[in-house]
Amino acid sequence: MTDFAAIDFETANENPSSVCSVGVVVVRGGEIADSFYSLIRPEPEYYQWFCTRVHGICEEDTYCAPVFPKVWEKVAPMVEGLPLVAHNSRFDEMCLKEVFKVYQMDYPDYVFYDTLKAARRHFGRRLPDHQLHTVAAACGHCLVNHHHALEDAEACARIAIEIL
């Protein structure tokens, strides 16, 4: 696969629709061609401590951030016609579908590929685990700021370029 968009969401609470940031990395011809990052005012709009502990985003960070439909207006043209790739894609696909429902937007049936599943097949037991930072390192990419949506999307893109 040489053309795709890697995507990563962070959430504010246990609701999959509560996306509070998104990172997108577009790959064309096997090379990173574009990227996008935005904070998002989550819906429902509250933060749980365990989510903030993971990604460091809190209510003050997203108080003035745009809501999801405004952010997706910028993302949609970037990913149009491309398959989406995520590490543990089940989570990111669920978030995307749920936030589309919350805002009563028509979901365009994006096709998702999962670098976590691909890494398990590709590396098997040669790695201690198949977490994003571990797999990224095995593919030659150092993930410094794990759980920042854009950096996670870039790590996912680098993994996909290597093993998909």
N, C-alpha and C. Protein backbone atom coordinates (compact mmCIF):
# COMPACT_ATOMS: atom_id res chain seq x y z
N MET A 1 0.85 -1.17 0.00
CA MET A 1 0.00 0.00 0.00
C MET A 1 0.89 1.23 0.00
N THR A 2 0.68 2.10 -0.98
CA THR A 2 1.53 3.28 -1.08
C THR A 2 0.76 4.59 -0.90
N ASP A 3 -0.56 4.54 -1.01
CA ASP A 3 -1.39 5.74 -0.82
C ASP A 3 -2.43 5.46 0.25
N PHE A 4 -2.37 6.24 1.33
CA PHE A 4 -3.30 6.06 2.44
C PHE A 4 -3.19 7.27 3.37
N ALA A 5 -4.07 7.30 4.36
CA ALA A 5 -4.00 8.33 5.40
C ALA A 5 -3.99 7.64 6.75
N ALA A 6 -2.95 7.89 7.52
CA ALA A 6 -2.88 7.38 8.89
C ALA A 6 -3.61 8.37 9.78
N ILE A 7 -4.39 7.84 10.73
CA ILE A 7 -5.21 8.72 11.58
C ILE A 7 -5.13 8.24 13.02
N ASP A 8 -5.18 9.22 13.93
CA ASP A 8 -5.20 8.89 15.36
C ASP A 8 -6.07 9.89 16.09
N PHE A 9 -6.90 9.37 16.98
CA PHE A 9 -7.73 10.20 17.84
C PHE A 9 -7.32 10.02 19.29
N GLU A 10 -7.48 11.07 20.07
CA GLU A 10 -7.41 11.00 21.53
C GLU A 10 -8.80 11.40 22.02
N THR A 11 -9.22 10.79 23.13
CA THR A 11 -10.56 11.06 23.66
C THR A 11 -10.48 11.67 25.06
N ALA A 12 -11.53 12.43 25.40
CA ALA A 12 -11.58 13.14 26.67
C ALA A 12 -12.13 12.27 27.80
N ASN A 13 -12.93 11.28 27.46
CA ASN A 13 -13.56 10.44 28.47
C ASN A 13 -13.86 9.07 27.88
N GLU A 14 -14.68 8.30 28.56
CA GLU A 14 -14.93 6.92 28.12
C GLU A 14 -15.82 6.83 26.89
N ASN A 15 -16.45 7.93 26.48
CA ASN A 15 -17.30 7.93 25.30
C ASN A 15 -16.46 8.02 24.04
N PRO A 16 -16.63 7.09 23.11
CA PRO A 16 -15.84 7.15 21.88
C PRO A 16 -16.05 8.44 21.08
N SER A 17 -17.19 9.08 21.27
CA SER A 17 -17.47 10.32 20.53
C SER A 17 -16.72 11.52 21.09
N SER A 18 -16.06 11.35 22.23
CA SER A 18 -15.43 12.49 22.92
C SER A 18 -14.04 12.81 22.39
N VAL A 19 -13.87 12.76 21.07
CA VAL A 19 -12.56 13.04 20.49
C VAL A 19 -12.14 14.46 20.86
N CYS A 20 -10.92 14.58 21.36
CA CYS A 20 -10.42 15.90 21.77
C CYS A 20 -9.20 16.32 20.96
N SER A 21 -8.68 15.41 20.13
CA SER A 21 -7.63 15.77 19.18
C SER A 21 -7.59 14.73 18.08
N VAL A 22 -7.10 15.17 16.93
CA VAL A 22 -6.94 14.28 15.79
C VAL A 22 -5.61 14.61 15.11
N GLY A 23 -4.95 13.55 14.66
CA GLY A 23 -3.75 13.69 13.84
C GLY A 23 -3.95 12.88 12.57
N VAL A 24 -3.58 13.45 11.45
CA VAL A 24 -3.71 12.78 10.15
C VAL A 24 -2.40 12.95 9.40
N VAL A 25 -1.90 11.85 8.84
CA VAL A 25 -0.71 11.89 8.00
C VAL A 25 -1.06 11.23 6.68
N VAL A 26 -0.95 11.98 5.60
CA VAL A 26 -1.28 11.47 4.27
C VAL A 26 -0.01 10.97 3.60
N VAL A 27 -0.09 9.75 3.07
CA VAL A 27 1.03 9.13 2.37
C VAL A 27 0.63 8.93 0.91
N ARG A 28 1.48 9.38 0.03
CA ARG A 28 1.27 9.20 -1.42
C ARG A 28 2.56 8.68 -2.03
N GLY A 29 2.43 7.63 -2.79
CA GLY A 29 3.62 7.04 -3.42
C GLY A 29 4.62 6.54 -2.40
N GLY A 30 4.14 6.14 -1.23
CA GLY A 30 5.02 5.61 -0.19
C GLY A 30 5.79 6.67 0.58
N GLU A 31 5.45 7.94 0.38
CA GLU A 31 6.12 9.05 1.06
C GLU A 31 5.10 9.93 1.78
N ILE A 32 5.48 10.46 2.93
CA ILE A 32 4.60 11.38 3.62
C ILE A 32 4.45 12.65 2.80
N ALA A 33 3.19 12.98 2.47
CA ALA A 33 2.92 14.11 1.59
C ALA A 33 2.25 15.27 2.31
N ASP A 34 1.54 14.99 3.42
CA ASP A 34 0.82 16.05 4.09
C ASP A 34 0.49 15.59 5.51
N SER A 35 0.20 16.54 6.38
CA SER A 35 -0.22 16.19 7.74
C SER A 35 -1.12 17.28 8.29
N PHE A 36 -1.87 16.91 9.32
CA PHE A 36 -2.82 17.83 9.93
C PHE A 36 -3.00 17.44 11.38
N TYR A 37 -3.11 18.45 12.25
CA TYR A 37 -3.38 18.22 13.67
C TYR A 37 -4.34 19.29 14.16
N SER A 38 -5.27 18.89 15.02
CA SER A 38 -6.15 19.87 15.65
C SER A 38 -6.65 19.35 16.98
N LEU A 39 -6.75 20.26 17.92
CA LEU A 39 -7.53 19.99 19.12
C LEU A 39 -9.00 20.10 18.73
N ILE A 40 -9.86 19.42 19.47
CA ILE A 40 -11.29 19.41 19.19
C ILE A 40 -12.04 19.56 20.51
N ARG A 41 -13.07 20.39 20.52
CA ARG A 41 -13.91 20.47 21.71
C ARG A 41 -14.74 19.18 21.76
N PRO A 42 -14.55 18.36 22.78
CA PRO A 42 -15.19 17.04 22.79
C PRO A 42 -16.69 17.10 23.07
N GLU A 43 -17.37 16.04 22.65
CA GLU A 43 -18.79 15.86 22.94
C GLU A 43 -19.00 14.41 23.36
N PRO A 44 -19.39 14.15 24.60
CA PRO A 44 -19.71 15.11 25.65
C PRO A 44 -18.46 15.82 26.16
N GLU A 45 -18.68 17.04 26.65
CA GLU A 45 -17.57 17.93 26.98
C GLU A 45 -17.19 17.84 28.46
N TYR A 46 -16.50 16.76 28.79
CA TYR A 46 -15.89 16.64 30.11
C TYR A 46 -14.69 15.71 29.98
N TYR A 47 -13.77 15.87 30.89
CA TYR A 47 -12.54 15.07 30.86
C TYR A 47 -12.50 14.16 32.07
N GLN A 48 -12.04 12.94 31.84
CA GLN A 48 -11.79 12.03 32.95
C GLN A 48 -10.29 11.97 33.17
N TRP A 49 -9.93 11.87 34.44
CA TRP A 49 -8.52 11.94 34.84
C TRP A 49 -7.66 10.93 34.11
N PHE A 50 -8.18 9.73 33.89
CA PHE A 50 -7.34 8.69 33.27
C PHE A 50 -7.04 9.00 31.81
N CYS A 51 -7.93 9.71 31.13
CA CYS A 51 -7.65 10.11 29.75
C CYS A 51 -6.63 11.24 29.73
N THR A 52 -6.83 12.24 30.59
CA THR A 52 -5.88 13.34 30.66
C THR A 52 -4.50 12.84 31.05
N ARG A 53 -4.45 11.86 31.94
CA ARG A 53 -3.16 11.29 32.34
C ARG A 53 -2.43 10.67 31.16
N VAL A 54 -3.16 10.10 30.21
CA VAL A 54 -2.54 9.46 29.04
C VAL A 54 -2.02 10.50 28.05
N HIS A 55 -2.86 11.47 27.67
CA HIS A 55 -2.47 12.38 26.58
C HIS A 55 -2.16 13.80 27.03
N GLY A 56 -2.49 14.15 28.26
CA GLY A 56 -2.16 15.47 28.77
C GLY A 56 -3.09 16.58 28.36
N ILE A 57 -4.15 16.28 27.62
CA ILE A 57 -5.09 17.31 27.19
C ILE A 57 -6.17 17.46 28.26
N CYS A 58 -6.52 18.71 28.55
CA CYS A 58 -7.56 18.96 29.56
C CYS A 58 -8.56 19.99 29.02
N GLU A 59 -9.59 20.24 29.81
CA GLU A 59 -10.67 21.12 29.38
C GLU A 59 -10.18 22.51 28.97
N GLU A 60 -9.21 23.04 29.69
CA GLU A 60 -8.68 24.36 29.34
C GLU A 60 -8.06 24.38 27.94
N ASP A 61 -7.50 23.24 27.53
CA ASP A 61 -6.86 23.16 26.21
C ASP A 61 -7.87 23.22 25.07
N THR A 62 -9.07 22.68 25.29
CA THR A 62 -10.04 22.57 24.20
C THR A 62 -11.24 23.50 24.36
N TYR A 63 -11.22 24.34 25.37
CA TYR A 63 -12.36 25.23 25.63
C TYR A 63 -12.71 26.07 24.41
N CYS A 64 -11.73 26.58 23.72
CA CYS A 64 -11.95 27.41 22.53
C CYS A 64 -11.68 26.67 21.23
N ALA A 65 -11.46 25.36 21.30
CA ALA A 65 -11.18 24.57 20.11
C ALA A 65 -12.44 24.41 19.27
N PRO A 66 -12.28 24.17 17.98
CA PRO A 66 -13.45 23.95 17.14
C PRO A 66 -14.13 22.62 17.46
N VAL A 67 -15.41 22.53 17.14
CA VAL A 67 -16.13 21.27 17.29
C VAL A 67 -15.77 20.37 16.11
N PHE A 68 -16.08 19.09 16.25
CA PHE A 68 -15.66 18.10 15.26
C PHE A 68 -16.06 18.44 13.82
N PRO A 69 -17.31 18.82 13.53
CA PRO A 69 -17.65 19.09 12.12
C PRO A 69 -16.76 20.14 11.47
N LYS A 70 -16.35 21.15 12.22
CA LYS A 70 -15.46 22.18 11.67
C LYS A 70 -14.07 21.60 11.37
N VAL A 71 -13.60 20.74 12.25
CA VAL A 71 -12.30 20.11 12.03
C VAL A 71 -12.38 19.16 10.84
N TRP A 72 -13.46 18.39 10.77
CA TRP A 72 -13.57 17.39 9.70
C TRP A 72 -13.71 18.04 8.32
N GLU A 73 -14.19 19.28 8.26
CA GLU A 73 -14.22 20.01 6.99
C GLU A 73 -12.82 20.14 6.40
N LYS A 74 -11.82 20.20 7.25
CA LYS A 74 -10.43 20.29 6.79
C LYS A 74 -9.84 18.92 6.50
N VAL A 75 -10.24 17.92 7.28
CA VAL A 75 -9.68 16.57 7.13
C VAL A 75 -10.27 15.85 5.92
N ALA A 76 -11.58 15.96 5.73
CA ALA A 76 -12.27 15.19 4.69
C ALA A 76 -11.62 15.30 3.31
N PRO A 77 -11.27 16.50 2.83
CA PRO A 77 -10.63 16.56 1.51
C PRO A 77 -9.25 15.90 1.48
N MET A 78 -8.57 15.90 2.61
CA MET A 78 -7.23 15.28 2.67
C MET A 78 -7.31 13.77 2.52
N VAL A 79 -8.35 13.16 3.09
CA VAL A 79 -8.44 11.69 3.12
C VAL A 79 -9.38 11.14 2.06
N GLU A 80 -9.99 12.01 1.29
CA GLU A 80 -10.96 11.55 0.28
C GLU A 80 -10.33 10.54 -0.67
N GLY A 81 -11.00 9.41 -0.81
CA GLY A 81 -10.54 8.36 -1.73
C GLY A 81 -9.41 7.50 -1.20
N LEU A 82 -8.95 7.77 0.02
CA LEU A 82 -7.83 7.01 0.58
C LEU A 82 -8.31 6.06 1.67
N PRO A 83 -7.70 4.88 1.76
CA PRO A 83 -7.98 4.04 2.93
C PRO A 83 -7.36 4.69 4.17
N LEU A 84 -7.98 4.46 5.31
CA LEU A 84 -7.46 4.98 6.57
C LEU A 84 -6.71 3.88 7.29
N VAL A 85 -5.62 4.25 7.91
CA VAL A 85 -4.77 3.30 8.63
C VAL A 85 -4.63 3.80 10.06
N ALA A 86 -4.76 2.88 11.02
CA ALA A 86 -4.59 3.24 12.43
C ALA A 86 -4.00 2.05 13.17
N HIS A 87 -3.34 2.35 14.27
CA HIS A 87 -2.80 1.30 15.13
C HIS A 87 -3.88 0.97 16.14
N ASN A 88 -4.41 -0.24 16.08
CA ASN A 88 -5.63 -0.64 16.79
C ASN A 88 -6.79 0.14 16.17
N SER A 89 -7.00 -0.08 14.89
CA SER A 89 -7.98 0.67 14.11
C SER A 89 -9.39 0.56 14.65
N ARG A 90 -9.68 -0.51 15.36
CA ARG A 90 -11.02 -0.68 15.91
C ARG A 90 -11.40 0.54 16.77
N PHE A 91 -10.45 1.02 17.58
CA PHE A 91 -10.70 2.18 18.44
C PHE A 91 -10.95 3.43 17.60
N ASP A 92 -10.07 3.74 16.67
CA ASP A 92 -10.19 4.98 15.89
C ASP A 92 -11.41 4.95 14.97
N GLU A 93 -11.71 3.80 14.41
CA GLU A 93 -12.90 3.68 13.57
C GLU A 93 -14.17 3.88 14.42
N MET A 94 -14.19 3.31 15.61
CA MET A 94 -15.33 3.48 16.50
C MET A 94 -15.50 4.95 16.88
N CYS A 95 -14.40 5.62 17.21
CA CYS A 95 -14.47 7.05 17.53
C CYS A 95 -15.04 7.84 16.36
N LEU A 96 -14.55 7.58 15.18
CA LEU A 96 -15.00 8.32 14.00
C LEU A 96 -16.49 8.09 13.75
N LYS A 97 -16.93 6.84 13.81
CA LYS A 97 -18.35 6.55 13.59
C LYS A 97 -19.22 7.19 14.65
N GLU A 98 -18.79 7.14 15.90
CA GLU A 98 -19.60 7.70 16.99
C GLU A 98 -19.69 9.22 16.92
N VAL A 99 -18.61 9.88 16.60
CA VAL A 99 -18.66 11.34 16.53
C VAL A 99 -19.47 11.79 15.31
N PHE A 100 -19.45 11.01 14.24
CA PHE A 100 -20.32 11.30 13.10
C PHE A 100 -21.79 11.19 13.52
N LYS A 101 -22.11 10.17 14.33
CA LYS A 101 -23.49 10.00 14.82
C LYS A 101 -23.91 11.17 15.71
N VAL A 102 -23.05 11.55 16.63
CA VAL A 102 -23.38 12.64 17.56
C VAL A 102 -23.74 13.91 16.80
N TYR A 103 -23.01 14.20 15.75
CA TYR A 103 -23.25 15.42 14.99
C TYR A 103 -24.17 15.19 13.79
N GLN A 104 -24.77 14.02 13.72
CA GLN A 104 -25.73 13.67 12.66
C GLN A 104 -25.15 13.93 11.26
N MET A 105 -23.92 13.48 11.10
CA MET A 105 -23.23 13.61 9.81
C MET A 105 -23.32 12.27 9.09
N ASP A 106 -23.39 12.31 7.77
CA ASP A 106 -23.41 11.08 6.98
C ASP A 106 -22.01 10.48 6.95
N TYR A 107 -21.91 9.23 7.42
CA TYR A 107 -20.61 8.55 7.46
C TYR A 107 -20.30 7.97 6.08
N PRO A 108 -19.15 8.29 5.50
CA PRO A 108 -18.85 7.84 4.14
C PRO A 108 -18.25 6.44 4.02
N ASP A 109 -18.39 5.58 5.01
CA ASP A 109 -17.89 4.20 4.95
C ASP A 109 -16.41 4.13 4.60
N TYR A 110 -15.62 4.78 5.40
CA TYR A 110 -14.17 4.71 5.23
C TYR A 110 -13.69 3.28 5.41
N VAL A 111 -12.70 2.89 4.65
CA VAL A 111 -12.06 1.58 4.79
C VAL A 111 -10.86 1.75 5.70
N PHE A 112 -10.79 0.93 6.76
CA PHE A 112 -9.70 1.00 7.72
C PHE A 112 -8.79 -0.21 7.60
N TYR A 113 -7.48 0.02 7.76
CA TYR A 113 -6.49 -1.03 7.90
C TYR A 113 -5.81 -0.86 9.25
N ASP A 114 -5.40 -1.96 9.83
CA ASP A 114 -4.90 -1.96 11.20
C ASP A 114 -3.43 -2.35 11.25
N THR A 115 -2.57 -1.40 11.65
CA THR A 115 -1.15 -1.72 11.76
C THR A 115 -0.85 -2.60 12.97
N LEU A 116 -1.72 -2.62 13.97
CA LEU A 116 -1.52 -3.53 15.11
C LEU A 116 -1.65 -4.98 14.65
N LYS A 117 -2.71 -5.29 13.92
CA LYS A 117 -2.88 -6.65 13.40
C LYS A 117 -1.75 -7.00 12.44
N ALA A 118 -1.39 -6.06 11.59
CA ALA A 118 -0.31 -6.29 10.62
C ALA A 118 1.01 -6.54 11.34
N ALA A 119 1.25 -5.79 12.42
CA ALA A 119 2.50 -5.96 13.18
C ALA A 119 2.54 -7.32 13.87
N ARG A 120 1.42 -7.77 14.39
CA ARG A 120 1.38 -9.10 15.01
C ARG A 120 1.71 -10.18 13.99
N ARG A 121 1.19 -10.04 12.78
CA ARG A 121 1.50 -11.02 11.72
C ARG A 121 2.96 -10.91 11.29
N HIS A 122 3.41 -9.69 11.09
CA HIS A 122 4.75 -9.45 10.55
C HIS A 122 5.86 -9.80 11.54
N PHE A 123 5.73 -9.34 12.77
CA PHE A 123 6.79 -9.52 13.76
C PHE A 123 6.60 -10.73 14.66
N GLY A 124 5.37 -11.17 14.81
CA GLY A 124 5.10 -12.31 15.68
C GLY A 124 5.69 -12.10 17.06
N ARG A 125 6.40 -13.10 17.55
CA ARG A 125 6.97 -13.05 18.91
C ARG A 125 8.36 -12.43 18.96
N ARG A 126 8.81 -11.87 17.85
CA ARG A 126 10.13 -11.23 17.85
C ARG A 126 10.16 -9.94 18.64
N LEU A 127 8.99 -9.38 18.95
CA LEU A 127 8.91 -8.15 19.74
C LEU A 127 8.34 -8.48 21.11
N PRO A 128 8.70 -7.71 22.14
CA PRO A 128 8.16 -7.97 23.49
C PRO A 128 6.66 -7.67 23.57
N ASP A 129 6.18 -6.75 22.74
CA ASP A 129 4.76 -6.42 22.65
C ASP A 129 4.55 -5.76 21.29
N HIS A 130 3.33 -5.41 21.00
CA HIS A 130 3.02 -4.79 19.71
C HIS A 130 2.42 -3.40 19.89
N GLN A 131 2.81 -2.74 20.97
CA GLN A 131 2.37 -1.37 21.19
C GLN A 131 2.97 -0.46 20.13
N LEU A 132 2.32 0.66 19.91
CA LEU A 132 2.73 1.57 18.84
C LEU A 132 4.20 1.94 18.91
N HIS A 133 4.68 2.35 20.08
CA HIS A 133 6.08 2.78 20.18
C HIS A 133 7.05 1.62 19.95
N THR A 134 6.67 0.41 20.35
CA THR A 134 7.54 -0.75 20.15
C THR A 134 7.63 -1.10 18.67
N VAL A 135 6.49 -1.13 17.99
CA VAL A 135 6.47 -1.48 16.57
C VAL A 135 7.14 -0.38 15.75
N ALA A 136 6.89 0.87 16.11
CA ALA A 136 7.53 1.98 15.40
C ALA A 136 9.05 1.86 15.48
N ALA A 137 9.56 1.57 16.67
CA ALA A 137 11.01 1.41 16.84
C ALA A 137 11.53 0.25 15.98
N ALA A 138 10.79 -0.83 15.92
CA ALA A 138 11.20 -1.98 15.10
C ALA A 138 11.22 -1.62 13.62
N CYS A 139 10.45 -0.61 13.24
CA CYS A 139 10.42 -0.13 11.85
C CYS A 139 11.37 1.04 11.62
N GLY A 140 12.18 1.37 12.63
CA GLY A 140 13.18 2.41 12.49
C GLY A 140 12.69 3.82 12.80
N HIS A 141 11.54 3.94 13.45
CA HIS A 141 11.00 5.26 13.78
C HIS A 141 10.95 5.42 15.30
N CYS A 142 11.52 6.50 15.80
CA CYS A 142 11.52 6.77 17.23
C CYS A 142 10.32 7.65 17.57
N LEU A 143 9.38 7.10 18.30
CA LEU A 143 8.18 7.83 18.72
C LEU A 143 8.48 8.52 20.05
N VAL A 144 8.67 9.82 20.01
CA VAL A 144 9.09 10.56 21.19
C VAL A 144 7.89 10.98 22.06
N ASN A 145 6.85 11.51 21.45
CA ASN A 145 5.72 12.07 22.20
C ASN A 145 4.48 11.20 22.01
N HIS A 146 4.54 9.98 22.54
CA HIS A 146 3.44 9.03 22.40
C HIS A 146 2.17 9.61 23.00
N HIS A 147 1.06 9.38 22.34
CA HIS A 147 -0.28 9.88 22.69
C HIS A 147 -0.50 11.33 22.31
N HIS A 148 0.37 11.89 21.49
CA HIS A 148 0.06 13.12 20.78
C HIS A 148 -0.47 12.63 19.43
N ALA A 149 -1.70 13.01 19.08
CA ALA A 149 -2.36 12.42 17.93
C ALA A 149 -1.56 12.51 16.63
N LEU A 150 -0.91 13.62 16.38
CA LEU A 150 -0.14 13.74 15.14
C LEU A 150 1.09 12.86 15.18
N GLU A 151 1.78 12.81 16.29
CA GLU A 151 2.98 11.96 16.37
C GLU A 151 2.60 10.49 16.29
N ASP A 152 1.49 10.10 16.89
CA ASP A 152 1.03 8.72 16.78
C ASP A 152 0.63 8.39 15.34
N ALA A 153 -0.03 9.33 14.66
CA ALA A 153 -0.41 9.11 13.26
C ALA A 153 0.83 8.97 12.39
N GLU A 154 1.86 9.77 12.67
CA GLU A 154 3.09 9.64 11.89
C GLU A 154 3.77 8.30 12.14
N ALA A 155 3.80 7.86 13.39
CA ALA A 155 4.38 6.55 13.70
C ALA A 155 3.61 5.45 12.98
N CYS A 156 2.30 5.56 12.99
CA CYS A 156 1.46 4.59 12.29
C CYS A 156 1.75 4.60 10.79
N ALA A 157 1.90 5.78 10.22
CA ALA A 157 2.22 5.89 8.80
C ALA A 157 3.56 5.23 8.49
N ARG A 158 4.56 5.47 9.34
CA ARG A 158 5.89 4.86 9.13
C ARG A 158 5.82 3.34 9.21
N ILE A 159 5.01 2.84 10.14
CA ILE A 159 4.83 1.38 10.26
C ILE A 159 4.15 0.85 8.99
N ALA A 160 3.09 1.51 8.56
CA ALA A 160 2.36 1.05 7.38
C ALA A 160 3.23 1.06 6.13
N ILE A 161 4.08 2.08 5.99
CA ILE A 161 5.00 2.13 4.84
C ILE A 161 5.92 0.92 4.85
N GLU A 162 6.34 0.51 6.03
CA GLU A 162 7.28 -0.63 6.15
C GLU A 162 6.62 -1.99 5.99
N ILE A 163 5.42 -2.18 6.58
CA ILE A 163 4.91 -3.55 6.65
C ILE A 163 3.58 -3.81 5.94
N LEU A 164 2.90 -2.78 5.48
CA LEU A 164 1.64 -3.05 4.77
C LEU A 164 1.87 -3.18 3.27
